[in-house]
PDB file of N, CA and C in Angstrom:
ATOM      1  N   MET A   1      -3.228  20.063 -12.891  1.00  0.00           N
ATOM      2  CA  MET A   1      -4.318  20.346 -12.308  1.00  0.00           C
ATOM      3  C   MET A   1      -5.380  19.835 -13.279  1.00  0.00           C
ATOM      4  N   ALA A   2      -6.325  18.863 -12.595  1.00  0.00           N
ATOM      5  CA  ALA A   2      -7.014  18.030 -13.121  1.00  0.00           C
ATOM      6  C   ALA A   2      -8.698  18.816 -12.701  1.00  0.00           C
ATOM      7  N   GLU A   3      -9.509  18.752 -13.845  1.00  0.00           N
ATOM      8  CA  GLU A   3     -10.916  19.337 -13.068  1.00  0.00           C
ATOM      9  C   GLU A   3     -12.469  18.013 -13.154  1.00  0.00           C
ATOM     10  N   CYS A   4     -12.331  17.945 -11.988  1.00  0.00           N
ATOM     11  CA  CYS A   4     -13.683  16.523 -11.866  1.00  0.00           C
ATOM     12  C   CYS A   4     -14.781  16.826 -11.246  1.00  0.00           C
ATOM     13  N   SER A   5     -15.902  15.979 -11.543  1.00  0.00           N
ATOM     14  CA  SER A   5     -16.926  16.583 -11.664  1.00  0.00           C
ATOM     15  C   SER A   5     -17.600  15.426 -11.149  1.00  0.00           C
ATOM     16  N   VAL A   6     -18.422  15.286 -10.156  1.00  0.00           N
ATOM     17  CA  VAL A   6     -18.846  14.261  -8.952  1.00  0.00           C
ATOM     18  C   VAL A   6     -21.098  14.038  -8.571  1.00  0.00           C
ATOM     19  N   GLU A   7     -20.909  13.009  -8.613  1.00  0.00           N
ATOM     20  CA  GLU A   7     -22.066  12.988  -8.312  1.00  0.00           C
ATOM     21  C   GLU A   7     -22.269  13.041  -6.427  1.00  0.00           C
ATOM     22  N   ASN A   8     -23.929  13.920  -6.954  1.00  0.00           N
ATOM     23  CA  ASN A   8     -23.904  14.154  -5.524  1.00  0.00           C
ATOM     24  C   ASN A   8     -24.400  13.434  -4.338  1.00  0.00           C
ATOM     25  N   VAL A   9     -24.374  11.987  -4.610  1.00  0.00           N
ATOM     26  CA  VAL A   9     -24.458  11.365  -3.248  1.00  0.00           C
ATOM     27  C   VAL A   9     -23.464  10.722  -2.983  1.00  0.00           C
ATOM     28  N   LYS A  10     -21.586  10.885  -3.867  1.00  0.00           N
ATOM     29  CA  LYS A  10     -20.557  10.025  -3.950  1.00  0.00           C
ATOM     30  C   LYS A  10     -19.153  11.379  -3.732  1.00  0.00           C
ATOM     31  N   ARG A  11     -20.449  12.147  -3.282  1.00  0.00           N
ATOM     32  CA  ARG A  11     -19.117  13.195  -2.992  1.00  0.00           C
ATOM     33  C   ARG A  11     -18.063  12.926  -1.742  1.00  0.00           C
ATOM     34  N   ALA A  12     -18.583  12.534  -0.771  1.00  0.00           N
ATOM     35  CA  ALA A  12     -17.954  12.385   0.616  1.00  0.00           C
ATOM     36  C   ALA A  12     -17.207  10.340   0.315  1.00  0.00           C
ATOM     37  N   ARG A  13     -17.279   9.724  -0.044  1.00  0.00           N
ATOM     38  CA  ARG A  13     -15.907   9.073  -0.573  1.00  0.00           C
ATOM     39  C   ARG A  13     -15.180   9.323  -1.592  1.00  0.00           C
ATOM     40  N   PHE A  14     -15.519   9.729  -2.687  1.00  0.00           N
ATOM     41  CA  PHE A  14     -14.661  10.841  -3.425  1.00  0.00           C
ATOM     42  C   PHE A  14     -13.926  11.811  -2.853  1.00  0.00           C
ATOM     43  N   GLU A  15     -14.294  12.460  -1.582  1.00  0.00           N
ATOM     44  CA  GLU A  15     -13.994  13.142  -0.394  1.00  0.00           C
ATOM     45  C   GLU A  15     -12.797  12.344  -0.236  1.00  0.00           C
ATOM     46  N   GLN A  16     -12.630  11.050   0.447  1.00  0.00           N
ATOM     47  CA  GLN A  16     -12.497  10.706   1.554  1.00  0.00           C
ATOM     48  C   GLN A  16     -11.025   9.867   0.502  1.00  0.00           C
ATOM     49  N   VAL A  17     -10.955   9.514  -0.050  1.00  0.00           N
ATOM     50  CA  VAL A  17     -10.252   8.721  -1.582  1.00  0.00           C
ATOM     51  C   VAL A  17      -9.107   9.870  -1.510  1.00  0.00           C
ATOM     52  N   LEU A  18      -9.700  11.381  -2.320  1.00  0.00           N
ATOM     53  CA  LEU A  18      -8.368  12.267  -1.963  1.00  0.00           C
ATOM     54  C   LEU A  18      -8.109  12.613  -1.554  1.00  0.00           C
ATOM     55  N   LYS A  19      -8.453  12.103  -0.093  1.00  0.00           N
ATOM     56  CA  LYS A  19      -7.857  12.978   1.314  1.00  0.00           C
ATOM     57  C   LYS A  19      -6.580  11.717   1.399  1.00  0.00           C
ATOM     58  N   ASP A  20      -7.157  10.825   1.320  1.00  0.00           N
ATOM     59  CA  ASP A  20      -6.025   9.110   1.724  1.00  0.00           C
ATOM     60  C   ASP A  20      -4.989   9.154   0.664  1.00  0.00           C
ATOM     61  N   ALA A  21      -5.392   9.644  -0.213  1.00  0.00           N
ATOM     62  CA  ALA A  21      -3.972   9.360  -1.500  1.00  0.00           C
ATOM     63  C   ALA A  21      -3.335  10.064  -0.793  1.00  0.00           C
ATOM     64  N   GLY A  22      -3.231  11.163  -0.443  1.00  0.00           N
ATOM     65  CA  GLY A  22      -2.505  12.530   0.101  1.00  0.00           C
ATOM     66  C   GLY A  22      -2.357  12.013   1.629  1.00  0.00           C
ATOM     67  N   ASN A  23      -2.003  11.866   1.815  1.00  0.00           N
ATOM     68  CA  ASN A  23      -1.669  10.962   3.203  1.00  0.00           C
ATOM     69  C   ASN A  23      -0.412  10.138   3.077  1.00  0.00           C
ATOM     70  N   ARG A  24      -0.921   9.272   2.040  1.00  0.00           N
ATOM     71  CA  ARG A  24       0.472   7.409   1.290  1.00  0.00           C
ATOM     72  C   ARG A  24       1.346   8.385   2.175  1.00  0.00           C
ATOM     73  N   GLY A  25       1.545   9.613   1.266  1.00  0.00           N
ATOM     74  CA  GLY A  25       2.980  10.542   2.098  1.00  0.00           C
ATOM     75  C   GLY A  25       2.739  10.960   0.265  1.00  0.00           C
ATOM     76  N   MET A  26       4.503  12.144  -0.297  1.00  0.00           N
ATOM     77  CA  MET A  26       4.534  11.609  -1.474  1.00  0.00           C
ATOM     78  C   MET A  26       4.605  11.509  -2.508  1.00  0.00           C
ATOM     79  N   ILE A  27       4.453  10.950  -3.544  1.00  0.00           N
ATOM     80  CA  ILE A  27       5.475  10.437  -4.606  1.00  0.00           C
ATOM     81  C   ILE A  27       6.020  10.570  -5.020  1.00  0.00           C
ATOM     82  N   PRO A  28       7.307   9.486  -6.032  1.00  0.00           N
ATOM     83  CA  PRO A  28       8.292  10.315  -5.858  1.00  0.00           C
ATOM     84  C   PRO A  28       7.779  11.268  -7.065  1.00  0.00           C
ATOM     85  N   GLY A  29       8.605  12.036  -6.939  1.00  0.00           N
ATOM     86  CA  GLY A  29       9.042  13.661  -8.193  1.00  0.00           C
ATOM     87  C   GLY A  29       7.488  14.166  -7.667  1.00  0.00           C
ATOM     88  N   MET A  30       6.203  14.675  -6.918  1.00  0.00           N
ATOM     89  CA  MET A  30       6.055  15.643  -6.387  1.00  0.00           C
ATOM     90  C   MET A  30       5.748  15.986  -5.643  1.00  0.00           C
ATOM     91  N   LEU A  31       6.614  17.350  -5.130  1.00  0.00           N
ATOM     92  CA  LEU A  31       6.174  18.919  -4.806  1.00  0.00           C
ATOM     93  C   LEU A  31       5.242  18.577  -3.349  1.00  0.00           C
ATOM     94  N   SER A  32       3.850  18.968  -4.066  1.00  0.00           N
ATOM     95  CA  SER A  32       3.364  19.420  -3.401  1.00  0.00           C
ATOM     96  C   SER A  32       2.019  18.960  -3.860  1.00  0.00           C
ATOM     97  N   GLY A  33       0.716  18.997  -3.285  1.00  0.00           N
ATOM     98  CA  GLY A  33      -0.809  18.573  -3.915  1.00  0.00           C
ATOM     99  C   GLY A  33      -1.944  19.583  -3.146  1.00  0.00           C
ATOM    100  N   ALA A  34      -3.431  19.003  -3.668  1.00  0.00           N
ATOM    101  CA  ALA A  34      -4.502  20.425  -3.252  1.00  0.00           C
ATOM    102  C   ALA A  34      -5.132  19.589  -3.463  1.00  0.00           C
ATOM    103  N   PHE A  35      -6.469  20.404  -2.727  1.00  0.00           N
ATOM    104  CA  PHE A  35      -8.082  20.234  -3.457  1.00  0.00           C
ATOM    105  C   PHE A  35      -8.556  20.686  -3.041  1.00  0.00           C
ATOM    106  N   GLY A  36     -10.032  21.383  -3.820  1.00  0.00           N
ATOM    107  CA  GLY A  36     -10.609  22.217  -4.091  1.00  0.00           C
ATOM    108  C   GLY A  36     -12.134  21.861  -4.449  1.00  0.00           C
ATOM    109  N   LYS A  37     -13.491  21.989  -4.008  1.00  0.00           N
ATOM    110  CA  LYS A  37     -14.595  21.807  -4.513  1.00  0.00           C
ATOM    111  C   LYS A  37     -15.660  23.397  -4.596  1.00  0.00           C
ATOM    112  N   ARG A  38     -16.163  23.083  -4.902  1.00  0.00           N
ATOM    113  CA  ARG A  38     -17.612  24.092  -5.033  1.00  0.00           C
ATOM    114  C   ARG A  38     -18.940  22.745  -4.706  1.00  0.00           C
ATOM    115  N   GLN A  39     -19.839  24.690  -4.674  1.00  0.00           N
ATOM    116  CA  GLN A  39     -21.179  23.447  -3.905  1.00  0.00           C
ATOM    117  C   GLN A  39     -21.525  22.041  -5.288  1.00  0.00           C
ATOM    118  N   ASN A  40     -21.558  22.911  -6.190  1.00  0.00           N
ATOM    119  CA  ASN A  40     -21.840  22.057  -7.549  1.00  0.00           C
ATOM    120  C   ASN A  40     -21.066  20.627  -8.243  1.00  0.00           C
ATOM    121  N   GLY A  41     -20.670  19.573  -6.692  1.00  0.00           N
ATOM    122  CA  GLY A  41     -19.593  18.688  -7.639  1.00  0.00           C
ATOM    123  C   GLY A  41     -18.806  19.144  -7.864  1.00  0.00           C
ATOM    124  N   ARG A  42     -18.001  20.152  -8.186  1.00  0.00           N
ATOM    125  CA  ARG A  42     -16.436  20.364  -8.948  1.00  0.00           C
ATOM    126  C   ARG A  42     -15.821  20.657  -7.802  1.00  0.00           C
ATOM    127  N   TYR A  43     -14.355  19.714  -8.883  1.00  0.00           N
ATOM    128  CA  TYR A  43     -13.473  19.403  -7.887  1.00  0.00           C
ATOM    129  C   TYR A  43     -11.994  20.082  -8.766  1.00  0.00           C
ATOM    130  N   LEU A  44     -11.084  20.705  -7.755  1.00  0.00           N
ATOM    131  CA  LEU A  44     -10.121  21.003  -8.320  1.00  0.00           C
ATOM    132  C   LEU A  44      -9.421  20.823  -7.689  1.00  0.00           C
ATOM    133  N   ALA A  45      -7.966  19.952  -8.605  1.00  0.00           N
ATOM    134  CA  ALA A  45      -7.087  19.782  -7.406  1.00  0.00           C
ATOM    135  C   ALA A  45      -5.407  19.248  -8.541  1.00  0.00           C
ATOM    136  N   ALA A  46      -4.900  19.783  -7.745  1.00  0.00           N
ATOM    137  CA  ALA A  46      -2.972  20.676  -8.493  1.00  0.00           C
ATOM    138  C   ALA A  46      -2.107  20.009  -7.864  1.00  0.00           C
ATOM    139  N   SER A  47      -1.407  19.522  -8.260  1.00  0.00           N
ATOM    140  CA  SER A  47      -0.219  18.730  -7.615  1.00  0.00           C
ATOM    141  C   SER A  47       1.313  19.561  -8.579  1.00  0.00           C
ATOM    142  N   LEU A  48       2.666  20.182  -8.699  1.00  0.00           N
ATOM    143  CA  LEU A  48       3.356  20.929  -8.456  1.00  0.00           C
ATOM    144  C   LEU A  48       4.399  19.715  -8.402  1.00  0.00           C
ATOM    145  N   TRP A  49       5.156  19.564  -8.846  1.00  0.00           N
ATOM    146  CA  TRP A  49       6.502  17.860  -9.762  1.00  0.00           C
ATOM    147  C   TRP A  49       7.511  19.058 -10.109  1.00  0.00           C
ATOM    148  N   ASP A  50       8.239  17.630  -9.208  1.00  0.00           N
ATOM    149  CA  ASP A  50       9.868  19.026  -9.559  1.00  0.00           C
ATOM    150  C   ASP A  50      10.353  18.946 -11.605  1.00  0.00           C
ATOM    151  N   ASN A  51      10.157  18.091 -12.088  1.00  0.00           N
ATOM    152  CA  ASN A  51       9.658  18.197 -13.225  1.00  0.00           C
ATOM    153  C   ASN A  51       9.483  17.602 -14.235  1.00  0.00           C
ATOM    154  N   GLU A  52       8.339  17.290 -15.929  1.00  0.00           N
ATOM    155  CA  GLU A  52       8.003  16.816 -16.258  1.00  0.00           C
ATOM    156  C   GLU A  52       7.560  14.556 -16.697  1.00  0.00           C
ATOM    157  N   ASP A  53       8.794  14.446 -16.449  1.00  0.00           N
ATOM    158  CA  ASP A  53       9.566  13.333 -16.654  1.00  0.00           C
ATOM    159  C   ASP A  53       8.662  12.988 -15.124  1.00  0.00           C
ATOM    160  N   SER A  54       8.628  13.141 -13.771  1.00  0.00           N
ATOM    161  CA  SER A  54       8.480  12.810 -12.944  1.00  0.00           C
ATOM    162  C   SER A  54       6.387  12.649 -13.312  1.00  0.00           C
ATOM    163  N   HIS A  55       5.685  13.743 -13.525  1.00  0.00           N
ATOM    164  CA  HIS A  55       4.995  13.907 -13.463  1.00  0.00           C
ATOM    165  C   HIS A  55       3.832  12.944 -14.436  1.00  0.00           C
ATOM    166  N   GLN A  56       4.604  12.714 -15.551  1.00  0.00           N
ATOM    167  CA  GLN A  56       4.546  11.649 -16.378  1.00  0.00           C
ATOM    168  C   GLN A  56       4.279  10.594 -16.357  1.00  0.00           C
ATOM    169  N   ARG A  57       5.658  10.478 -15.353  1.00  0.00           N
ATOM    170  CA  ARG A  57       5.645   8.519 -14.342  1.00  0.00           C
ATOM    171  C   ARG A  57       3.883   9.163 -13.877  1.00  0.00           C
ATOM    172  N   TYR A  58       3.648   9.211 -12.729  1.00  0.00           N
ATOM    173  CA  TYR A  58       2.297   9.510 -12.234  1.00  0.00           C
ATOM    174  C   TYR A  58       1.023   9.509 -12.867  1.00  0.00           C
ATOM    175  N   ALA A  59       1.333   9.999 -14.441  1.00  0.00           N
ATOM    176  CA  ALA A  59       0.363   9.671 -15.463  1.00  0.00           C
ATOM    177  C   ALA A  59      -0.348   8.657 -15.727  1.00  0.00           C
ATOM    178  N   ASP A  60       0.953   7.650 -16.158  1.00  0.00           N
ATOM    179  CA  ASP A  60       0.773   6.205 -17.062  1.00  0.00           C
ATOM    180  C   ASP A  60       0.852   4.994 -16.239  1.00  0.00           C
ATOM    181  N   LYS A  61       1.032   5.524 -14.672  1.00  0.00           N
ATOM    182  CA  LYS A  61       1.129   4.478 -13.368  1.00  0.00           C
ATOM    183  C   LYS A  61       0.523   4.701 -12.839  1.00  0.00           C
ATOM    184  N   GLU A  62       0.341   5.742 -11.625  1.00  0.00           N
ATOM    185  CA  GLU A  62      -0.096   6.603 -10.430  1.00  0.00           C
ATOM    186  C   GLU A  62      -1.823   6.451 -10.571  1.00  0.00           C
ATOM    187  N   LEU A  63      -1.869   7.201 -11.320  1.00  0.00           N
ATOM    188  CA  LEU A  63      -2.962   8.264 -11.964  1.00  0.00           C
ATOM    189  C   LEU A  63      -4.477   6.306 -11.528  1.00  0.00           C
ATOM    190  N   PRO A  64      -3.564   6.221 -12.837  1.00  0.00           N
ATOM    191  CA  PRO A  64      -4.765   5.494 -13.737  1.00  0.00           C
ATOM    192  C   PRO A  64      -5.356   3.815 -12.183  1.00  0.00           C
ATOM    193  N   ALA A  65      -4.095   4.013 -11.536  1.00  0.00           N
ATOM    194  CA  ALA A  65      -4.764   3.275 -10.755  1.00  0.00           C
ATOM    195  C   ALA A  65      -5.552   3.661  -9.142  1.00  0.00           C
ATOM    196  N   LEU A  66      -5.595   4.929  -9.284  1.00  0.00           N
ATOM    197  CA  LEU A  66      -5.952   5.875  -8.501  1.00  0.00           C
ATOM    198  C   LEU A  66      -7.074   6.049  -8.480  1.00  0.00           C
ATOM    199  N   ILE A  67      -7.532   6.843  -9.753  1.00  0.00           N
ATOM    200  CA  ILE A  67      -9.114   6.715 -10.617  1.00  0.00           C
ATOM    201  C   ILE A  67      -9.478   5.435 -10.175  1.00  0.00           C
ATOM    202  N   ASN A  68      -9.141   4.063 -10.748  1.00  0.00           N
ATOM    203  CA  ASN A  68      -9.611   2.859 -10.434  1.00  0.00           C
ATOM    204  C   ASN A  68     -10.651   2.532  -8.935  1.00  0.00           C
ATOM    205  N   GLU A  69     -10.055   2.749  -8.084  1.00  0.00           N
ATOM    206  CA  GLU A  69     -10.744   2.864  -6.670  1.00  0.00           C
ATOM    207  C   GLU A  69     -11.185   2.715  -5.868  1.00  0.00           C
ATOM    208  N   PRO A  70     -11.969   1.988  -5.478  1.00  0.00           N
ATOM    209  CA  PRO A  70     -12.608   2.022  -5.182  1.00  0.00           C
ATOM    210  C   PRO A  70     -13.603   3.500  -4.741  1.00  0.00           C
ATOM    211  N   GLY A  71     -15.080   3.990  -5.637  1.00  0.00           N
ATOM    212  CA  GLY A  71     -14.860   5.140  -4.542  1.00  0.00           C
ATOM    213  C   GLY A  71     -15.068   7.114  -5.720  1.00  0.00           C
ATOM    214  N   VAL A  72     -14.017   6.089  -6.432  1.00  0.00           N
ATOM    215  CA  VAL A  72     -13.102   7.098  -7.778  1.00  0.00           C
ATOM    216  C   VAL A  72     -13.839   7.235  -9.017  1.00  0.00           C
ATOM    217  N   LYS A  73     -13.537   6.016  -9.588  1.00  0.00           N
ATOM    218  CA  LYS A  73     -14.198   5.874 -10.801  1.00  0.00           C
ATOM    219  C   LYS A  73     -15.534   5.854 -11.297  1.00  0.00           C
ATOM    220  N   ASP A  74     -15.854   4.986 -10.135  1.00  0.00           N
ATOM    221  CA  ASP A  74     -17.704   4.924  -9.915  1.00  0.00           C
ATOM    222  C   ASP A  74     -18.571   6.551  -9.543  1.00  0.00           C
ATOM    223  N   SER A  75     -18.130   7.047  -8.921  1.00  0.00           N
ATOM    224  CA  SER A  75     -18.525   8.773  -8.697  1.00  0.00           C
ATOM    225  C   SER A  75     -17.820   9.566  -8.985  1.00  0.00           C
ATOM    226  N   THR A  76     -16.755   9.373 -10.590  1.00  0.00           N
ATOM    227  CA  THR A  76     -17.408  10.685 -11.131  1.00  0.00           C
ATOM    228  C   THR A  76     -17.661  10.672 -12.428  1.00  0.00           C
ATOM    229  N   GLN A  77     -17.605  11.715 -12.729  1.00  0.00           N
ATOM    230  CA  GLN A  77     -18.755  11.423 -14.040  1.00  0.00           C
ATOM    231  C   GLN A  77     -17.647  12.144 -14.824  1.00  0.00           C
ATOM    232  N   ARG A  78     -16.774  12.999 -14.409  1.00  0.00           N
ATOM    233  CA  ARG A  78     -16.045  13.487 -15.935  1.00  0.00           C
ATOM    234  C   ARG A  78     -15.310  14.311 -15.252  1.00  0.00           C
ATOM    235  N   ILE A  79     -13.516  13.700 -15.432  1.00  0.00           N
ATOM    236  CA  ILE A  79     -12.221  13.972 -15.158  1.00  0.00           C
ATOM    237  C   ILE A  79     -11.414  15.156 -16.313  1.00  0.00           C
ATOM    238  N   SER A  80     -11.386  15.889 -16.024  1.00  0.00           N
ATOM    239  CA  SER A  80     -10.611  16.395 -17.023  1.00  0.00           C
ATOM    240  C   SER A  80      -8.782  16.559 -16.448  1.00  0.00           C
ATOM    241  N   VAL A  81      -7.946  16.561 -17.329  1.00  0.00           N
ATOM    242  CA  VAL A  81      -6.700  17.117 -16.953  1.00  0.00           C
ATOM    243  C   VAL A  81      -5.528  17.819 -17.966  1.00  0.00           C
ATOM    244  N   SER A  82      -4.864  19.507 -17.279  1.00  0.00           N
ATOM    245  CA  SER A  82      -4.287  19.891 -18.174  1.00  0.00           C
ATOM    246  C   SER A  82      -2.490  19.469 -17.711  1.00  0.00           C
ATOM    247  N   LEU A  83      -1.649  20.153 -18.158  1.00  0.00           N
ATOM    248  CA  LEU A  83      -0.390  20.371 -17.536  1.00  0.00           C
ATOM    249  C   LEU A  83      -0.344  21.130 -17.941  1.00  0.00           C
ATOM    250  N   ILE A  84       0.068  22.364 -16.849  1.00  0.00           N
ATOM    251  CA  ILE A  84       0.427  24.003 -16.543  1.00  0.00           C
ATOM    252  C   ILE A  84       1.949  24.110 -16.720  1.00  0.00           C
ATOM    253  N   GLU A  85       2.844  24.530 -17.669  1.00  0.00           N
ATOM    254  CA  GLU A  85       4.354  24.571 -16.542  1.00  0.00           C
ATOM    255  C   GLU A  85       4.558  26.131 -15.488  1.00  0.00           C
ATOM    256  N   LEU A  86       5.453  25.438 -15.186  1.00  0.00           N
ATOM    257  CA  LEU A  86       4.789  26.877 -13.737  1.00  0.00           C
ATOM    258  C   LEU A  86       6.061  27.867 -14.056  1.00  0.00           C
ATOM    259  N   HIS A  87       5.905  28.850 -14.320  1.00  0.00           N
ATOM    260  CA  HIS A  87       6.322  29.635 -14.256  1.00  0.00           C
ATOM    261  C   HIS A  87       7.630  30.458 -13.119  1.00  0.00           C
ATOM    262  N   PRO A  88       8.932  30.179 -12.946  1.00  0.00           N
ATOM    263  CA  PRO A  88       9.956  30.750 -11.540  1.00  0.00           C
ATOM    264  C   PRO A  88       9.029  31.355 -11.024  1.00  0.00           C
ATOM    265  N   LYS A  89       8.786  33.201 -11.929  1.00  0.00           N
ATOM    266  CA  LYS A  89       8.484  34.031 -11.204  1.00  0.00           C
ATOM    267  C   LYS A  89       7.009  33.971 -10.472  1.00  0.00           C
ATOM    268  N   TRP A  90       6.691  33.255 -10.423  1.00  0.00           N
ATOM    269  CA  TRP A  90       4.932  32.959  -9.981  1.00  0.00           C
ATOM    270  C   TRP A  90       4.743  32.804  -8.669  1.00  0.00           C
ATOM    271  N   ALA A  91       6.242  31.782  -8.623  1.00  0.00           N
ATOM    272  CA  ALA A  91       6.328  31.197  -7.011  1.00  0.00           C
ATOM    273  C   ALA A  91       6.159  31.839  -6.535  1.00  0.00           C
ATOM    274  N   VAL A  92       6.040  31.583  -4.261  1.00  0.00           N
ATOM    275  CA  VAL A  92       5.556  32.446  -4.004  1.00  0.00           C
ATOM    276  C   VAL A  92       6.262  30.930  -1.973  1.00  0.00           C
ATOM    277  N   ILE A  93       7.853  31.745  -2.634  1.00  0.00           N
ATOM    278  CA  ILE A  93       8.185  30.881  -1.057  1.00  0.00           C
ATOM    279  C   ILE A  93       8.984  32.213   0.567  1.00  0.00           C
TER     280      ILE A  93
END
């Protein structure tokens, strides 16, 4: 889970970068991902991974590259990330 705060004038570009990242195809180990927004410029991005190692590889390599893309780093005021373990009983398939 990642919570992001984005400047008002840069929200459209930030959203496009998130959509483009998802359209590139699944990142190895990523099972699913989604993001939502609130009117006050706060976004919540969630991703589901096959295991913790896959997520860690993404956090170490892919995420820094995404954050440094034009339209992300310059748009975000704050990004906070949390790793939450999905309990099998929570899953709805």
